[in-house]
N, C-alpha and C. Protein backbone atom coordinates (compact mmCIF):
# COMPACT_ATOMS: atom_id res chain seq x y z
N GLN A 1 0.83 -1.19 0.00
CA GLN A 1 0.00 0.00 0.00
C GLN A 1 0.87 1.25 0.00
N VAL A 2 0.33 2.31 -0.55
CA VAL A 2 1.03 3.59 -0.60
C VAL A 2 0.16 4.65 0.06
N GLN A 3 0.76 5.50 0.85
CA GLN A 3 0.05 6.60 1.49
C GLN A 3 0.69 7.92 1.08
N LEU A 4 -0.15 8.87 0.73
CA LEU A 4 0.29 10.23 0.47
C LEU A 4 -0.40 11.13 1.49
N VAL A 5 0.38 11.82 2.28
CA VAL A 5 -0.17 12.67 3.33
C VAL A 5 0.20 14.11 3.04
N GLU A 6 -0.84 14.93 2.87
CA GLU A 6 -0.64 16.36 2.59
C GLU A 6 -0.82 17.17 3.87
N SER A 7 -0.19 18.33 3.90
CA SER A 7 -0.37 19.27 5.00
C SER A 7 -0.06 20.67 4.50
N GLY A 8 -0.45 21.66 5.30
CA GLY A 8 -0.08 23.04 4.98
C GLY A 8 -1.20 23.91 4.48
N GLY A 9 -2.38 23.35 4.27
CA GLY A 9 -3.49 24.17 3.80
C GLY A 9 -3.99 25.10 4.89
N GLY A 10 -4.90 25.98 4.51
CA GLY A 10 -5.48 26.89 5.49
C GLY A 10 -6.13 28.07 4.83
N LEU A 11 -6.45 29.06 5.67
CA LEU A 11 -7.09 30.29 5.21
C LEU A 11 -6.05 31.40 5.17
N VAL A 12 -6.00 32.11 4.07
CA VAL A 12 -5.02 33.18 3.91
C VAL A 12 -5.67 34.34 3.17
N GLN A 13 -5.20 35.54 3.43
CA GLN A 13 -5.71 36.71 2.74
C GLN A 13 -5.12 36.82 1.34
N PRO A 14 -5.83 37.48 0.43
CA PRO A 14 -5.27 37.70 -0.92
C PRO A 14 -3.89 38.34 -0.83
N GLY A 15 -2.99 37.83 -1.67
CA GLY A 15 -1.61 38.28 -1.66
C GLY A 15 -0.72 37.51 -0.71
N GLY A 16 -1.30 36.68 0.12
CA GLY A 16 -0.53 35.92 1.10
C GLY A 16 0.13 34.68 0.50
N SER A 17 0.78 33.92 1.38
CA SER A 17 1.53 32.74 0.96
C SER A 17 1.19 31.54 1.83
N LEU A 18 1.32 30.38 1.24
CA LEU A 18 1.20 29.11 1.95
C LEU A 18 2.18 28.13 1.32
N ARG A 19 2.62 27.15 2.12
CA ARG A 19 3.44 26.09 1.57
C ARG A 19 2.78 24.75 1.89
N LEU A 20 2.48 24.00 0.85
CA LEU A 20 1.90 22.67 1.01
C LEU A 20 3.02 21.63 0.98
N SER A 21 2.84 20.59 1.78
CA SER A 21 3.78 19.48 1.82
C SER A 21 3.06 18.18 1.54
N CYS A 22 3.76 17.25 0.90
CA CYS A 22 3.20 15.93 0.63
C CYS A 22 4.31 14.90 0.82
N ALA A 23 4.04 13.92 1.66
CA ALA A 23 5.00 12.85 1.90
C ALA A 23 4.40 11.53 1.47
N ALA A 24 5.12 10.82 0.61
CA ALA A 24 4.69 9.50 0.15
C ALA A 24 5.43 8.43 0.92
N SER A 25 4.70 7.40 1.34
CA SER A 25 5.31 6.31 2.09
C SER A 25 4.63 5.00 1.73
N GLY A 26 5.26 3.91 2.15
CA GLY A 26 4.69 2.59 1.90
C GLY A 26 5.50 1.83 0.88
N SER A 27 4.79 1.07 0.06
CA SER A 27 5.42 0.19 -0.92
C SER A 27 5.82 0.97 -2.16
N ILE A 28 7.01 1.58 -2.10
CA ILE A 28 7.49 2.43 -3.20
C ILE A 28 8.83 1.91 -3.68
N PHE A 29 8.90 1.52 -4.95
CA PHE A 29 10.16 1.10 -5.54
C PHE A 29 10.85 2.28 -6.21
N SER A 30 10.08 3.00 -7.02
CA SER A 30 10.63 4.19 -7.66
C SER A 30 9.49 5.13 -8.02
N ILE A 31 9.80 6.42 -8.01
CA ILE A 31 8.84 7.46 -8.36
C ILE A 31 9.23 8.06 -9.70
N ASN A 32 8.24 8.23 -10.56
CA ASN A 32 8.47 8.88 -11.86
C ASN A 32 8.20 10.37 -11.78
N LEU A 33 7.13 10.71 -11.06
CA LEU A 33 6.68 12.09 -11.04
C LEU A 33 5.78 12.31 -9.84
N MET A 34 5.85 13.50 -9.27
CA MET A 34 4.89 13.90 -8.24
C MET A 34 4.33 15.26 -8.63
N GLY A 35 3.13 15.53 -8.16
CA GLY A 35 2.53 16.79 -8.55
C GLY A 35 1.38 17.18 -7.65
N TRP A 36 0.89 18.38 -7.92
CA TRP A 36 -0.25 18.94 -7.20
C TRP A 36 -1.38 19.25 -8.19
N TYR A 37 -2.58 18.90 -7.78
CA TYR A 37 -3.78 19.19 -8.53
C TYR A 37 -4.74 19.89 -7.59
N ARG A 38 -5.73 20.56 -8.13
CA ARG A 38 -6.71 21.22 -7.27
C ARG A 38 -8.10 21.10 -7.88
N GLN A 39 -9.07 21.17 -6.99
CA GLN A 39 -10.46 21.09 -7.41
C GLN A 39 -11.27 22.11 -6.63
N ALA A 40 -11.83 23.07 -7.34
CA ALA A 40 -12.70 24.07 -6.74
C ALA A 40 -14.14 23.58 -6.81
N PRO A 41 -15.01 24.10 -5.94
CA PRO A 41 -16.40 23.67 -5.95
C PRO A 41 -17.05 23.85 -7.32
N GLY A 42 -17.68 22.80 -7.81
CA GLY A 42 -18.36 22.86 -9.08
C GLY A 42 -17.47 22.78 -10.29
N LYS A 43 -16.18 22.56 -10.08
CA LYS A 43 -15.24 22.50 -11.20
C LYS A 43 -14.52 21.16 -11.22
N GLU A 44 -13.93 20.85 -12.37
CA GLU A 44 -13.16 19.63 -12.47
C GLU A 44 -11.78 19.80 -11.84
N ARG A 45 -11.21 18.67 -11.46
CA ARG A 45 -9.85 18.70 -10.92
C ARG A 45 -8.88 19.10 -12.03
N GLU A 46 -7.95 19.99 -11.69
CA GLU A 46 -7.00 20.48 -12.69
C GLU A 46 -5.58 20.40 -12.18
N LEU A 47 -4.65 20.26 -13.12
CA LEU A 47 -3.24 20.22 -12.78
C LEU A 47 -2.77 21.60 -12.33
N VAL A 48 -1.97 21.61 -11.26
CA VAL A 48 -1.36 22.85 -10.80
C VAL A 48 0.13 22.86 -11.16
N ALA A 49 0.85 21.80 -10.74
CA ALA A 49 2.28 21.73 -11.01
C ALA A 49 2.75 20.29 -10.84
N THR A 50 3.75 19.91 -11.63
CA THR A 50 4.36 18.59 -11.49
C THR A 50 5.87 18.72 -11.57
N ILE A 51 6.55 17.71 -11.00
CA ILE A 51 8.00 17.66 -11.01
C ILE A 51 8.42 16.22 -11.20
N THR A 52 9.40 15.98 -12.07
CA THR A 52 9.86 14.62 -12.29
C THR A 52 10.90 14.22 -11.24
N TRP A 53 11.03 12.90 -11.10
CA TRP A 53 11.92 12.33 -10.07
C TRP A 53 13.06 11.58 -10.74
N GLY A 54 14.27 11.79 -10.30
CA GLY A 54 15.39 11.03 -10.84
C GLY A 54 15.86 11.59 -12.16
N GLY A 55 17.19 11.53 -12.38
CA GLY A 55 17.74 12.05 -13.62
C GLY A 55 17.55 13.54 -13.68
N SER A 56 17.33 14.05 -14.89
CA SER A 56 17.10 15.49 -15.03
C SER A 56 15.69 15.82 -14.53
N THR A 57 15.59 17.00 -13.92
CA THR A 57 14.32 17.41 -13.34
C THR A 57 13.54 18.27 -14.32
N ASN A 58 12.30 17.91 -14.55
CA ASN A 58 11.42 18.67 -15.42
C ASN A 58 10.23 19.18 -14.62
N TYR A 59 9.84 20.39 -14.91
CA TYR A 59 8.74 21.03 -14.22
C TYR A 59 7.62 21.36 -15.20
N ALA A 60 6.41 21.36 -14.67
CA ALA A 60 5.26 21.81 -15.47
C ALA A 60 4.33 22.58 -14.54
N TYR A 61 3.82 23.69 -15.04
CA TYR A 61 2.91 24.53 -14.26
C TYR A 61 1.69 24.90 -15.09
N ALA A 62 0.56 25.03 -14.42
CA ALA A 62 -0.61 25.61 -15.06
C ALA A 62 -0.31 27.08 -15.35
N ASP A 63 -0.84 27.59 -16.45
CA ASP A 63 -0.59 29.00 -16.80
C ASP A 63 -1.06 29.94 -15.69
N SER A 64 -2.12 29.55 -15.01
CA SER A 64 -2.72 30.42 -13.99
C SER A 64 -1.83 30.59 -12.76
N VAL A 65 -0.84 29.71 -12.57
CA VAL A 65 0.00 29.81 -11.37
C VAL A 65 1.46 30.12 -11.69
N LYS A 66 1.82 30.17 -12.96
CA LYS A 66 3.21 30.44 -13.33
C LYS A 66 3.66 31.77 -12.75
N GLY A 67 4.85 31.76 -12.17
CA GLY A 67 5.39 32.96 -11.58
C GLY A 67 4.95 33.20 -10.14
N ARG A 68 3.98 32.44 -9.68
CA ARG A 68 3.49 32.60 -8.30
C ARG A 68 3.73 31.34 -7.46
N PHE A 69 3.61 30.17 -8.08
CA PHE A 69 3.76 28.90 -7.36
C PHE A 69 5.07 28.25 -7.78
N THR A 70 5.69 27.54 -6.83
CA THR A 70 6.92 26.81 -7.11
C THR A 70 6.83 25.42 -6.51
N ILE A 71 7.06 24.41 -7.33
CA ILE A 71 7.07 23.02 -6.84
C ILE A 71 8.52 22.59 -6.66
N SER A 72 8.76 21.81 -5.62
CA SER A 72 10.13 21.37 -5.36
C SER A 72 10.12 20.04 -4.63
N ARG A 73 11.22 19.32 -4.74
CA ARG A 73 11.40 18.08 -3.98
C ARG A 73 12.01 18.42 -2.63
N GLY A 74 11.60 17.69 -1.61
CA GLY A 74 12.14 17.93 -0.30
C GLY A 74 13.40 17.14 -0.06
N ASN A 75 14.14 17.52 0.97
CA ASN A 75 15.33 16.77 1.37
C ASN A 75 14.94 15.43 1.99
N VAL A 76 13.77 15.39 2.58
CA VAL A 76 13.26 14.13 3.10
C VAL A 76 12.81 13.29 1.91
N LYS A 77 13.11 12.02 1.92
CA LYS A 77 12.81 11.15 0.79
C LYS A 77 11.33 11.14 0.46
N ASN A 78 11.03 11.20 -0.83
CA ASN A 78 9.66 11.07 -1.33
C ASN A 78 8.73 12.16 -0.82
N THR A 79 9.28 13.38 -0.71
CA THR A 79 8.50 14.52 -0.26
C THR A 79 8.51 15.60 -1.34
N VAL A 80 7.36 16.23 -1.53
CA VAL A 80 7.25 17.31 -2.49
C VAL A 80 6.55 18.49 -1.83
N TYR A 81 6.95 19.69 -2.22
CA TYR A 81 6.37 20.91 -1.67
C TYR A 81 5.76 21.74 -2.78
N LEU A 82 4.81 22.57 -2.40
CA LEU A 82 4.25 23.57 -3.31
C LEU A 82 4.25 24.90 -2.56
N GLN A 83 5.15 25.79 -2.94
CA GLN A 83 5.19 27.13 -2.37
C GLN A 83 4.26 28.02 -3.18
N MET A 84 3.28 28.58 -2.51
CA MET A 84 2.27 29.39 -3.19
C MET A 84 2.37 30.82 -2.67
N ASN A 85 2.75 31.73 -3.56
CA ASN A 85 2.85 33.15 -3.24
C ASN A 85 1.83 33.94 -4.05
N GLY A 86 1.53 35.12 -3.60
CA GLY A 86 0.59 35.96 -4.34
C GLY A 86 -0.75 35.31 -4.54
N LEU A 87 -1.25 34.67 -3.48
CA LEU A 87 -2.50 33.91 -3.61
C LEU A 87 -3.68 34.82 -3.94
N LYS A 88 -4.57 34.29 -4.75
CA LYS A 88 -5.76 35.00 -5.21
C LYS A 88 -7.00 34.22 -4.78
N PRO A 89 -8.14 34.89 -4.68
CA PRO A 89 -9.37 34.16 -4.32
C PRO A 89 -9.65 32.99 -5.26
N GLU A 90 -9.29 33.13 -6.51
CA GLU A 90 -9.53 32.03 -7.46
C GLU A 90 -8.62 30.84 -7.26
N ASP A 91 -7.67 30.94 -6.36
CA ASP A 91 -6.84 29.78 -6.00
C ASP A 91 -7.52 28.91 -4.94
N THR A 92 -8.64 29.37 -4.43
CA THR A 92 -9.37 28.59 -3.42
C THR A 92 -9.81 27.26 -4.00
N ALA A 93 -9.43 26.18 -3.33
CA ALA A 93 -9.74 24.83 -3.81
C ALA A 93 -9.22 23.82 -2.81
N VAL A 94 -9.59 22.57 -3.03
CA VAL A 94 -8.93 21.47 -2.33
C VAL A 94 -7.74 21.06 -3.19
N TYR A 95 -6.58 21.02 -2.58
CA TYR A 95 -5.35 20.68 -3.29
C TYR A 95 -4.97 19.23 -2.98
N TYR A 96 -4.74 18.49 -4.05
CA TYR A 96 -4.41 17.07 -3.94
C TYR A 96 -2.99 16.81 -4.43
N CYS A 97 -2.30 15.96 -3.72
CA CYS A 97 -0.99 15.49 -4.14
C CYS A 97 -1.16 14.19 -4.91
N LYS A 98 -0.37 14.02 -5.95
CA LYS A 98 -0.39 12.79 -6.72
C LYS A 98 1.03 12.32 -6.97
N ALA A 99 1.21 11.00 -6.91
CA ALA A 99 2.51 10.41 -7.22
C ALA A 99 2.33 9.29 -8.23
N ASP A 100 3.12 9.30 -9.28
CA ASP A 100 3.17 8.21 -10.25
C ASP A 100 4.39 7.36 -9.90
N LEU A 101 4.15 6.14 -9.45
CA LEU A 101 5.25 5.35 -8.92
C LEU A 101 5.07 3.86 -9.20
N LYS A 102 6.17 3.14 -9.00
CA LYS A 102 6.16 1.68 -9.09
C LYS A 102 6.23 1.11 -7.69
N ASN A 103 5.45 0.05 -7.45
CA ASN A 103 5.51 -0.64 -6.17
C ASN A 103 6.68 -1.61 -6.11
N SER A 104 7.10 -2.12 -7.28
CA SER A 104 8.21 -3.06 -7.34
C SER A 104 8.86 -2.93 -8.72
N ILE A 105 10.00 -3.61 -8.89
CA ILE A 105 10.71 -3.54 -10.16
C ILE A 105 9.88 -4.15 -11.28
N TYR A 106 8.92 -5.00 -10.94
CA TYR A 106 8.13 -5.69 -11.95
C TYR A 106 6.83 -4.98 -12.30
N SER A 107 6.43 -4.00 -11.50
CA SER A 107 5.12 -3.38 -11.71
C SER A 107 5.21 -2.21 -12.67
N ASP A 108 4.06 -1.80 -13.18
CA ASP A 108 3.96 -0.60 -14.01
C ASP A 108 3.79 0.62 -13.11
N TYR A 109 4.01 1.79 -13.68
CA TYR A 109 3.76 3.02 -12.93
C TYR A 109 2.25 3.18 -12.73
N LYS A 110 1.88 3.60 -11.54
CA LYS A 110 0.48 3.77 -11.19
C LYS A 110 0.34 5.07 -10.40
N GLY A 111 -0.80 5.74 -10.58
CA GLY A 111 -1.04 6.99 -9.89
C GLY A 111 -1.71 6.79 -8.54
N TYR A 112 -1.18 7.49 -7.53
CA TYR A 112 -1.76 7.46 -6.19
C TYR A 112 -2.07 8.90 -5.77
N TRP A 113 -3.18 9.04 -5.03
CA TRP A 113 -3.64 10.36 -4.63
C TRP A 113 -3.64 10.50 -3.11
N GLY A 114 -3.39 11.72 -2.66
CA GLY A 114 -3.57 12.03 -1.26
C GLY A 114 -5.03 12.36 -0.98
N GLN A 115 -5.32 12.68 0.29
CA GLN A 115 -6.70 12.91 0.69
C GLN A 115 -7.14 14.34 0.43
N GLY A 116 -6.19 15.23 0.15
CA GLY A 116 -6.52 16.61 -0.15
C GLY A 116 -6.40 17.52 1.06
N THR A 117 -6.06 18.77 0.79
CA THR A 117 -5.98 19.78 1.85
C THR A 117 -6.62 21.07 1.32
N GLN A 118 -7.43 21.69 2.15
CA GLN A 118 -8.20 22.87 1.73
C GLN A 118 -7.33 24.12 1.77
N VAL A 119 -7.37 24.87 0.70
CA VAL A 119 -6.74 26.19 0.64
C VAL A 119 -7.84 27.20 0.35
N SER A 120 -7.98 28.17 1.23
CA SER A 120 -9.01 29.20 1.07
C SER A 120 -8.34 30.57 1.08
N VAL A 121 -8.64 31.37 0.07
CA VAL A 121 -8.06 32.70 -0.05
C VAL A 121 -9.20 33.71 0.01
N SER A 122 -9.24 34.47 1.09
CA SER A 122 -10.34 35.39 1.29
C SER A 122 -9.94 36.49 2.26
N SER A 123 -10.51 37.66 2.05
CA SER A 123 -10.27 38.76 2.99
C SER A 123 -11.36 38.79 4.06
């Protein structure tokens, strides 16, 4: 089994900052990619940012967060962060961590999701 545990959400005023953390644990052989997605009420889940694992590092960001959000790998194994600056009310959503990983050398890559953490931006 694999567990992804997110933390760091909360209520912040417009223009403020938050840092989300996600730690993956359990049956992990190798990670291909980790990322953050978000889902606002009444909307579909959307990609926020992703980062590749191992070898050269590649980043991807949604246009709406470029220049404001930064994804990074943590020093602790299998941890990813999302630094969110210049938060706007439209960033309000439940933020989910996702990891694409192998459970063993023989398995295919599979996506695992965290339980989500609420980010609310309001004055």
